[in-house]
């Protein structure tokens, strides 16, 4: 998979494309050196910025040499260190993620749930499906792939057919959770769309790069179908046990309790 291993924490995946491996529970960070601009895909957790900074230095870059940041979605483990780069880098996220980041929706970003430190920032550019970022040496197409969250994106490099998937799909076809603002129906649609691409390499936000990109996307779609069917069975079972009105009352009761806390 890798052409050159720089250290145990940095892998050169393709010429001038590097994976900076995650410091758990953060995400991987991907650095793409373009002809004139340098891009990060995700930045990891706030607390792991020192690791990101050291990795950039090992690759001959200072934090201010990062010109552009693409966030695959709004979760804390992917966006946290962005605040340290915000003064000098342009930050981009899909509009549905950018909105939550700007409003500091800490329940959706999961900052509150995980009690992590956070320095507010906002997205300079609100991306749409089909947006293109041209680095000269690489062309990055933005694909809106909701499911895990409403604002999830994948980044597809068309010349080498590389797919950076964030938390949309992992090696082996493993899926992420359905988080706040996400849903399984959108997840299935996103994976169907990815299955139509020609993908030579798949680089996820967590875990190892895929060894079988096309197969893993197909397996991810099948896993999503199974999850969808299982969810329908679960809700049908609960509806028979409690009745649909009882399900609504329980959901409202949990919501009321949550607000009371």
Foldseek 3Di string as FASTA:
>chain_A
DFPDDLDPQWTHRDVQWIWRCDDPPAWIWIWHQFPQAIEIEFDFAQVCNVSVQVVQVSVVDGLLRHAEYEYQAQARGGHANVVVSQVRYAYEFAQVRQVCLQVVVCVQNVCVVVVGDHDHDGHPYHDDQQDWDCRPVWIWGWHQQAALANGGIWIATPPQGEIEGEQLAAAQLDHDHNGPRHHLVSSLVSLVVVLPGDHPWYHYGDDDTYPDVNVSSVSNNVVSVVVVVVVVVVVVVVCVVQNPVRVVVVVVVVVVVVVVD
